[in-house]
PDB file of all heavy atoms in Angstrom:
ATOM      1  N   ALA A   1       0.855  -1.196   0.003  1.00  0.00           N
ATOM      2  CA  ALA A   1      -0.001   0.001  -0.002  1.00  0.00           C
ATOM      3  C   ALA A   1       0.888   1.242   0.002  1.00  0.00           C
ATOM      4  O   ALA A   1       1.874   1.305   0.713  1.00  0.00           O
ATOM      5  CB  ALA A   1      -0.911  -0.010   1.214  1.00  0.00           C
ATOM      6  N   THR A   2       0.500   2.212  -0.819  1.00  0.00           N
ATOM      7  CA  THR A   2       1.252   3.461  -0.885  1.00  0.00           C
ATOM      8  C   THR A   2       0.295   4.637  -0.759  1.00  0.00           C
ATOM      9  O   THR A   2      -0.871   4.536  -1.142  1.00  0.00           O
ATOM     10  CB  THR A   2       2.015   3.583  -2.216  1.00  0.00           C
ATOM     11  OG1 THR A   2       1.080   3.488  -3.306  1.00  0.00           O
ATOM     12  CG2 THR A   2       3.053   2.475  -2.349  1.00  0.00           C
ATOM     13  N   PRO A   3       0.765   5.777  -0.210  1.00  0.00           N
ATOM     14  CA  PRO A   3      -0.096   6.968  -0.126  1.00  0.00           C
ATOM     15  C   PRO A   3      -0.555   7.410  -1.515  1.00  0.00           C
ATOM     16  O   PRO A   3       0.123   7.169  -2.515  1.00  0.00           O
ATOM     17  CB  PRO A   3       0.815   8.017   0.508  1.00  0.00           C
ATOM     18  CG  PRO A   3       1.902   7.233   1.177  1.00  0.00           C
ATOM     19  CD  PRO A   3       2.102   6.007   0.349  1.00  0.00           C
ATOM     20  N   ARG A   4      -1.709   8.039  -1.562  1.00  0.00           N
ATOM     21  CA  ARG A   4      -2.247   8.521  -2.827  1.00  0.00           C
ATOM     22  C   ARG A   4      -1.293   9.539  -3.459  1.00  0.00           C
ATOM     23  O   ARG A   4      -0.754  10.414  -2.779  1.00  0.00           O
ATOM     24  CB  ARG A   4      -3.618   9.183  -2.586  1.00  0.00           C
ATOM     25  CG  ARG A   4      -4.336   9.584  -3.865  1.00  0.00           C
ATOM     26  CD  ARG A   4      -5.686  10.190  -3.522  1.00  0.00           C
ATOM     27  NE  ARG A   4      -6.408  10.570  -4.725  1.00  0.00           N
ATOM     28  CZ  ARG A   4      -7.209   9.750  -5.392  1.00  0.00           C
ATOM     29  NH1 ARG A   4      -7.373   8.509  -4.974  1.00  0.00           N
ATOM     30  NH2 ARG A   4      -7.844  10.158  -6.469  1.00  0.00           N
ATOM     31  N   ALA A   5      -1.060   9.402  -4.752  1.00  0.00           N
ATOM     32  CA  ALA A   5      -0.152  10.311  -5.462  1.00  0.00           C
ATOM     33  C   ALA A   5      -0.698  11.741  -5.426  1.00  0.00           C
ATOM     34  O   ALA A   5      -1.902  11.973  -5.542  1.00  0.00           O
ATOM     35  CB  ALA A   5       0.033   9.843  -6.893  1.00  0.00           C
ATOM     36  N   LYS A   6       0.215  12.699  -5.274  1.00  0.00           N
ATOM     37  CA  LYS A   6      -0.175  14.105  -5.191  1.00  0.00           C
ATOM     38  C   LYS A   6      -0.377  14.739  -6.565  1.00  0.00           C
ATOM     39  O   LYS A   6      -1.036  15.777  -6.693  1.00  0.00           O
ATOM     40  CB  LYS A   6       0.885  14.879  -4.414  1.00  0.00           C
ATOM     41  CG  LYS A   6       1.069  14.419  -2.978  1.00  0.00           C
ATOM     42  CD  LYS A   6       2.183  15.180  -2.283  1.00  0.00           C
ATOM     43  CE  LYS A   6       2.376  14.695  -0.855  1.00  0.00           C
ATOM     44  NZ  LYS A   6       3.486  15.396  -0.152  1.00  0.00           N
ATOM     45  N   SER A   7       0.207  14.129  -7.598  1.00  0.00           N
ATOM     46  CA  SER A   7       0.120  14.695  -8.949  1.00  0.00           C
ATOM     47  C   SER A   7       0.346  13.575  -9.950  1.00  0.00           C
ATOM     48  O   SER A   7       0.849  12.496  -9.600  1.00  0.00           O
ATOM     49  CB  SER A   7       1.201  15.776  -9.139  1.00  0.00           C
ATOM     50  OG  SER A   7       2.497  15.177  -9.086  1.00  0.00           O
ATOM     51  N   PRO A   8      -0.008  13.794 -11.219  1.00  0.00           N
ATOM     52  CA  PRO A   8       0.266  12.777 -12.243  1.00  0.00           C
ATOM     53  C   PRO A   8       1.748  12.429 -12.331  1.00  0.00           C
ATOM     54  O   PRO A   8       2.111  11.262 -12.544  1.00  0.00           O
ATOM     55  CB  PRO A   8      -0.221  13.454 -13.532  1.00  0.00           C
ATOM     56  CG  PRO A   8      -1.287  14.397 -13.079  1.00  0.00           C
ATOM     57  CD  PRO A   8      -0.813  14.918 -11.758  1.00  0.00           C
ATOM     58  N   GLU A   9       2.617  13.429 -12.155  1.00  0.00           N
ATOM     59  CA  GLU A   9       4.050  13.161 -12.209  1.00  0.00           C
ATOM     60  C   GLU A   9       4.479  12.280 -11.044  1.00  0.00           C
ATOM     61  O   GLU A   9       5.316  11.377 -11.210  1.00  0.00           O
ATOM     62  CB  GLU A   9       4.832  14.485 -12.164  1.00  0.00           C
ATOM     63  CG  GLU A   9       4.668  15.363 -13.400  1.00  0.00           C
ATOM     64  CD  GLU A   9       3.322  16.082 -13.447  1.00  0.00           C
ATOM     65  OE1 GLU A   9       2.628  16.145 -12.395  1.00  0.00           O
ATOM     66  OE2 GLU A   9       2.960  16.555 -14.533  1.00  0.00           O
ATOM     67  N   ASP A  10       3.901  12.524  -9.877  1.00  0.00           N
ATOM     68  CA  ASP A  10       4.208  11.705  -8.699  1.00  0.00           C
ATOM     69  C   ASP A  10       3.736  10.273  -8.929  1.00  0.00           C
ATOM     70  O   ASP A  10       4.414   9.304  -8.569  1.00  0.00           O
ATOM     71  CB  ASP A  10       3.537  12.302  -7.471  1.00  0.00           C
ATOM     72  CG  ASP A  10       3.920  11.588  -6.181  1.00  0.00           C
ATOM     73  OD1 ASP A  10       5.087  11.173  -6.067  1.00  0.00           O
ATOM     74  OD2 ASP A  10       3.054  11.442  -5.299  1.00  0.00           O
ATOM     75  N   GLN A  11       2.560  10.123  -9.545  1.00  0.00           N
ATOM     76  CA  GLN A  11       2.028   8.794  -9.835  1.00  0.00           C
ATOM     77  C   GLN A  11       2.928   8.030 -10.805  1.00  0.00           C
ATOM     78  O   GLN A  11       3.204   6.843 -10.610  1.00  0.00           O
ATOM     79  CB  GLN A  11       0.622   8.906 -10.428  1.00  0.00           C
ATOM     80  CG  GLN A  11       0.019   7.575 -10.871  1.00  0.00           C
ATOM     81  CD  GLN A  11      -0.157   6.620  -9.709  1.00  0.00           C
ATOM     82  OE1 GLN A  11      -0.914   6.897  -8.786  1.00  0.00           O
ATOM     83  NE2 GLN A  11       0.552   5.501  -9.751  1.00  0.00           N
ATOM     84  N   LEU A  12       3.392   8.699 -11.838  1.00  0.00           N
ATOM     85  CA  LEU A  12       4.288   8.040 -12.805  1.00  0.00           C
ATOM     86  C   LEU A  12       5.605   7.625 -12.141  1.00  0.00           C
ATOM     87  O   LEU A  12       6.137   6.550 -12.440  1.00  0.00           O
ATOM     88  CB  LEU A  12       4.559   8.973 -13.985  1.00  0.00           C
ATOM     89  CG  LEU A  12       3.389   9.166 -14.954  1.00  0.00           C
ATOM     90  CD1 LEU A  12       3.689  10.312 -15.918  1.00  0.00           C
ATOM     91  CD2 LEU A  12       3.111   7.890 -15.729  1.00  0.00           C
ATOM     92  N   ARG A  13       6.089   8.466 -11.243  1.00  0.00           N
ATOM     93  CA  ARG A  13       7.328   8.127 -10.535  1.00  0.00           C
ATOM     94  C   ARG A  13       7.137   6.889  -9.658  1.00  0.00           C
ATOM     95  O   ARG A  13       7.956   5.966  -9.648  1.00  0.00           O
ATOM     96  CB  ARG A  13       7.782   9.318  -9.676  1.00  0.00           C
ATOM     97  CG  ARG A  13       9.052   9.046  -8.874  1.00  0.00           C
ATOM     98  CD  ARG A  13       9.383  10.220  -7.953  1.00  0.00           C
ATOM     99  NE  ARG A  13       8.292  10.547  -7.056  1.00  0.00           N
ATOM    100  CZ  ARG A  13       8.020   9.854  -5.937  1.00  0.00           C
ATOM    101  NH1 ARG A  13       8.768   8.790  -5.611  1.00  0.00           N
ATOM    102  NH2 ARG A  13       7.027  10.229  -5.160  1.00  0.00           N
ATOM    103  N   LYS A  14       6.011   6.863  -8.927  1.00  0.00           N
ATOM    104  CA  LYS A  14       5.728   5.714  -8.072  1.00  0.00           C
ATOM    105  C   LYS A  14       5.527   4.444  -8.887  1.00  0.00           C
ATOM    106  O   LYS A  14       5.942   3.346  -8.466  1.00  0.00           O
ATOM    107  CB  LYS A  14       4.489   5.994  -7.211  1.00  0.00           C
ATOM    108  CG  LYS A  14       4.711   7.023  -6.120  1.00  0.00           C
ATOM    109  CD  LYS A  14       3.479   7.181  -5.250  1.00  0.00           C
ATOM    110  CE  LYS A  14       3.733   8.165  -4.124  1.00  0.00           C
ATOM    111  NZ  LYS A  14       2.543   8.312  -3.249  1.00  0.00           N
ATOM    112  N   ALA A  15       4.903   4.577 -10.034  1.00  0.00           N
ATOM    113  CA  ALA A  15       4.698   3.409 -10.897  1.00  0.00           C
ATOM    114  C   ALA A  15       6.028   2.823 -11.348  1.00  0.00           C
ATOM    115  O   ALA A  15       6.212   1.596 -11.376  1.00  0.00           O
ATOM    116  CB  ALA A  15       3.839   3.780 -12.096  1.00  0.00           C
ATOM    117  N   LYS A  16       6.972   3.696 -11.692  1.00  0.00           N
ATOM    118  CA  LYS A  16       8.296   3.224 -12.104  1.00  0.00           C
ATOM    119  C   LYS A  16       9.009   2.544 -10.936  1.00  0.00           C
ATOM    120  O   LYS A  16       9.637   1.479 -11.093  1.00  0.00           O
ATOM    121  CB  LYS A  16       9.130   4.393 -12.600  1.00  0.00           C
ATOM    122  CG  LYS A  16      10.557   4.015 -13.036  1.00  0.00           C
ATOM    123  CD  LYS A  16      10.553   3.035 -14.207  1.00  0.00           C
ATOM    124  CE  LYS A  16      11.937   2.904 -14.849  1.00  0.00           C
ATOM    125  NZ  LYS A  16      12.951   2.345 -13.943  1.00  0.00           N
ATOM    126  N   GLU A  17       8.890   3.110  -9.748  1.00  0.00           N
ATOM    127  CA  GLU A  17       9.529   2.510  -8.580  1.00  0.00           C
ATOM    128  C   GLU A  17       8.930   1.132  -8.271  1.00  0.00           C
ATOM    129  O   GLU A  17       9.664   0.170  -7.991  1.00  0.00           O
ATOM    130  CB  GLU A  17       9.373   3.431  -7.358  1.00  0.00           C
ATOM    131  CG  GLU A  17      10.172   4.721  -7.461  1.00  0.00           C
ATOM    132  CD  GLU A  17       9.874   5.658  -6.303  1.00  0.00           C
ATOM    133  OE1 GLU A  17       8.954   5.367  -5.507  1.00  0.00           O
ATOM    134  OE2 GLU A  17      10.555   6.711  -6.200  1.00  0.00           O
ATOM    135  N   ASN A  18       7.606   1.033  -8.338  1.00  0.00           N
ATOM    136  CA  ASN A  18       6.968  -0.265  -8.085  1.00  0.00           C
ATOM    137  C   ASN A  18       7.311  -1.280  -9.168  1.00  0.00           C
ATOM    138  O   ASN A  18       7.469  -2.465  -8.881  1.00  0.00           O
ATOM    139  CB  ASN A  18       5.451  -0.086  -7.985  1.00  0.00           C
ATOM    140  CG  ASN A  18       5.016   0.438  -6.628  1.00  0.00           C
ATOM    141  OD1 ASN A  18       5.685   0.209  -5.620  1.00  0.00           O
ATOM    142  ND2 ASN A  18       3.886   1.131  -6.595  1.00  0.00           N
ATOM    143  N   ALA A  19       7.408  -0.818 -10.405  1.00  0.00           N
ATOM    144  CA  ALA A  19       7.786  -1.720 -11.494  1.00  0.00           C
ATOM    145  C   ALA A  19       9.194  -2.267 -11.272  1.00  0.00           C
ATOM    146  O   ALA A  19       9.445  -3.470 -11.455  1.00  0.00           O
ATOM    147  CB  ALA A  19       7.706  -0.987 -12.827  1.00  0.00           C
ATOM    148  N   ASP A  20      10.094  -1.404 -10.869  1.00  0.00           N
ATOM    149  CA  ASP A  20      11.464  -1.847 -10.581  1.00  0.00           C
ATOM    150  C   ASP A  20      11.472  -2.863  -9.445  1.00  0.00           C
ATOM    151  O   ASP A  20      12.227  -3.851  -9.471  1.00  0.00           O
ATOM    152  CB  ASP A  20      12.348  -0.657 -10.219  1.00  0.00           C
ATOM    153  CG  ASP A  20      12.635   0.247 -11.411  1.00  0.00           C
ATOM    154  OD1 ASP A  20      12.453  -0.219 -12.563  1.00  0.00           O
ATOM    155  OD2 ASP A  20      13.027   1.410 -11.199  1.00  0.00           O
ATOM    156  N   LEU A  21      10.623  -2.623  -8.443  1.00  0.00           N
ATOM    157  CA  LEU A  21      10.521  -3.558  -7.320  1.00  0.00           C
ATOM    158  C   LEU A  21      10.018  -4.926  -7.800  1.00  0.00           C
ATOM    159  O   LEU A  21      10.563  -5.969  -7.408  1.00  0.00           O
ATOM    160  CB  LEU A  21       9.573  -2.991  -6.265  1.00  0.00           C
ATOM    161  CG  LEU A  21       9.229  -3.921  -5.078  1.00  0.00           C
ATOM    162  CD1 LEU A  21      10.487  -4.266  -4.285  1.00  0.00           C
ATOM    163  CD2 LEU A  21       8.186  -3.265  -4.179  1.00  0.00           C
ATOM    164  N   LEU A  22       9.004  -4.916  -8.657  1.00  0.00           N
ATOM    165  CA  LEU A  22       8.469  -6.173  -9.177  1.00  0.00           C
ATOM    166  C   LEU A  22       9.533  -6.965  -9.938  1.00  0.00           C
ATOM    167  O   LEU A  22       9.683  -8.177  -9.745  1.00  0.00           O
ATOM    168  CB  LEU A  22       7.287  -5.895 -10.106  1.00  0.00           C
ATOM    169  CG  LEU A  22       5.984  -5.405  -9.486  1.00  0.00           C
ATOM    170  CD1 LEU A  22       4.949  -5.175 -10.572  1.00  0.00           C
ATOM    171  CD2 LEU A  22       5.473  -6.407  -8.476  1.00  0.00           C
ATOM    172  N   LEU A  23      10.270  -6.293 -10.800  1.00  0.00           N
ATOM    173  CA  LEU A  23      11.292  -6.987 -11.586  1.00  0.00           C
ATOM    174  C   LEU A  23      12.378  -7.559 -10.681  1.00  0.00           C
ATOM    175  O   LEU A  23      12.899  -8.654 -10.946  1.00  0.00           O
ATOM    176  CB  LEU A  23      11.884  -6.030 -12.616  1.00  0.00           C
ATOM    177  CG  LEU A  23      10.910  -5.524 -13.694  1.00  0.00           C
ATOM    178  CD1 LEU A  23      11.625  -4.586 -14.650  1.00  0.00           C
ATOM    179  CD2 LEU A  23      10.295  -6.695 -14.463  1.00  0.00           C
ATOM    180  N   GLU A  24      12.683  -6.842  -9.624  1.00  0.00           N
ATOM    181  CA  GLU A  24      13.679  -7.336  -8.675  1.00  0.00           C
ATOM    182  C   GLU A  24      13.153  -8.561  -7.912  1.00  0.00           C
ATOM    183  O   GLU A  24      13.852  -9.581  -7.787  1.00  0.00           O
ATOM    184  CB  GLU A  24      14.062  -6.235  -7.687  1.00  0.00           C
ATOM    185  CG  GLU A  24      15.100  -6.672  -6.667  1.00  0.00           C
ATOM    186  CD  GLU A  24      15.438  -5.571  -5.664  1.00  0.00           C
ATOM    187  OE1 GLU A  24      14.942  -4.434  -5.833  1.00  0.00           O
ATOM    188  OE2 GLU A  24      16.201  -5.863  -4.719  1.00  0.00           O
ATOM    189  N   VAL A  25      11.913  -8.474  -7.422  1.00  0.00           N
ATOM    190  CA  VAL A  25      11.321  -9.569  -6.655  1.00  0.00           C
ATOM    191  C   VAL A  25      11.234 -10.836  -7.511  1.00  0.00           C
ATOM    192  O   VAL A  25      11.531 -11.948  -7.040  1.00  0.00           O
ATOM    193  CB  VAL A  25       9.930  -9.169  -6.134  1.00  0.00           C
ATOM    194  CG1 VAL A  25       9.173 -10.386  -5.619  1.00  0.00           C
ATOM    195  CG2 VAL A  25      10.051  -8.123  -5.039  1.00  0.00           C
ATOM    196  N   PHE A  26      10.816 -10.671  -8.759  1.00  0.00           N
ATOM    197  CA  PHE A  26      10.647 -11.829  -9.631  1.00  0.00           C
ATOM    198  C   PHE A  26      11.964 -12.263 -10.302  1.00  0.00           C
ATOM    199  O   PHE A  26      11.991 -13.289 -10.987  1.00  0.00           O
ATOM    200  CB  PHE A  26       9.599 -11.546 -10.706  1.00  0.00           C
ATOM    201  CG  PHE A  26       8.189 -11.491 -10.189  1.00  0.00           C
ATOM    202  CD1 PHE A  26       7.366 -10.400 -10.497  1.00  0.00           C
ATOM    203  CD2 PHE A  26       7.680 -12.502  -9.409  1.00  0.00           C
ATOM    204  CE1 PHE A  26       6.061 -10.351 -10.031  1.00  0.00           C
ATOM    205  CE2 PHE A  26       6.370 -12.455  -8.927  1.00  0.00           C
ATOM    206  CZ  PHE A  26       5.571 -11.378  -9.233  1.00  0.00           C
ATOM    207  N   GLY A  27      13.019 -11.485 -10.125  1.00  0.00           N
ATOM    208  CA  GLY A  27      14.296 -11.845 -10.738  1.00  0.00           C
ATOM    209  C   GLY A  27      14.272 -11.765 -12.248  1.00  0.00           C
ATOM    210  O   GLY A  27      14.941 -12.545 -12.929  1.00  0.00           O
ATOM    211  N   GLU A  28      13.497 -10.834 -12.778  1.00  0.00           N
ATOM    212  CA  GLU A  28      13.387 -10.646 -14.236  1.00  0.00           C
ATOM    213  C   GLU A  28      13.865  -9.240 -14.579  1.00  0.00           C
ATOM    214  O   GLU A  28      13.074  -8.353 -14.901  1.00  0.00           O
ATOM    215  CB  GLU A  28      11.942 -10.866 -14.708  1.00  0.00           C
ATOM    216  CG  GLU A  28      11.416 -12.260 -14.502  1.00  0.00           C
ATOM    217  CD  GLU A  28      11.970 -13.263 -15.512  1.00  0.00           C
ATOM    218  OE1 GLU A  28      12.639 -12.839 -16.472  1.00  0.00           O
ATOM    219  OE2 GLU A  28      11.728 -14.476 -15.321  1.00  0.00           O
ATOM    220  N   GLU A  29      15.162  -9.024 -14.505  1.00  0.00           N
ATOM    221  CA  GLU A  29      15.730  -7.699 -14.687  1.00  0.00           C
ATOM    222  C   GLU A  29      15.325  -7.053 -16.002  1.00  0.00           C
ATOM    223  O   GLU A  29      15.092  -5.840 -16.084  1.00  0.00           O
ATOM    224  CB  GLU A  29      17.257  -7.782 -14.607  1.00  0.00           C
ATOM    225  CG  GLU A  29      17.963  -6.452 -14.825  1.00  0.00           C
ATOM    226  CD  GLU A  29      19.482  -6.597 -14.805  1.00  0.00           C
ATOM    227  OE1 GLU A  29      19.969  -7.720 -14.513  1.00  0.00           O
ATOM    228  OE2 GLU A  29      20.170  -5.599 -15.087  1.00  0.00           O
ATOM    229  N   ASN A  30      15.197  -7.851 -17.056  1.00  0.00           N
ATOM    230  CA  ASN A  30      14.898  -7.308 -18.390  1.00  0.00           C
ATOM    231  C   ASN A  30      13.406  -7.171 -18.668  1.00  0.00           C
ATOM    232  O   ASN A  30      13.023  -6.602 -19.688  1.00  0.00           O
ATOM    233  CB  ASN A  30      15.549  -8.184 -19.463  1.00  0.00           C
ATOM    234  CG  ASN A  30      17.060  -8.159 -19.381  1.00  0.00           C
ATOM    235  OD1 ASN A  30      17.657  -7.119 -19.112  1.00  0.00           O
ATOM    236  ND2 ASN A  30      17.679  -9.310 -19.602  1.00  0.00           N
ATOM    237  N   GLY A  31      12.559  -7.707 -17.793  1.00  0.00           N
ATOM    238  CA  GLY A  31      11.127  -7.613 -17.992  1.00  0.00           C
ATOM    239  C   GLY A  31      10.527  -8.877 -18.561  1.00  0.00           C
ATOM    240  O   GLY A  31      11.212  -9.892 -18.770  1.00  0.00           O
TER     241      GLY A  31
END
């Protein structure tokens, strides 16, 4: 769970951070 994004730019940044986390957790660096 993450706090609600304050702006569209903040949302895009959080999405990239979560995506990076997913790739790390699943061990799929390239996607």
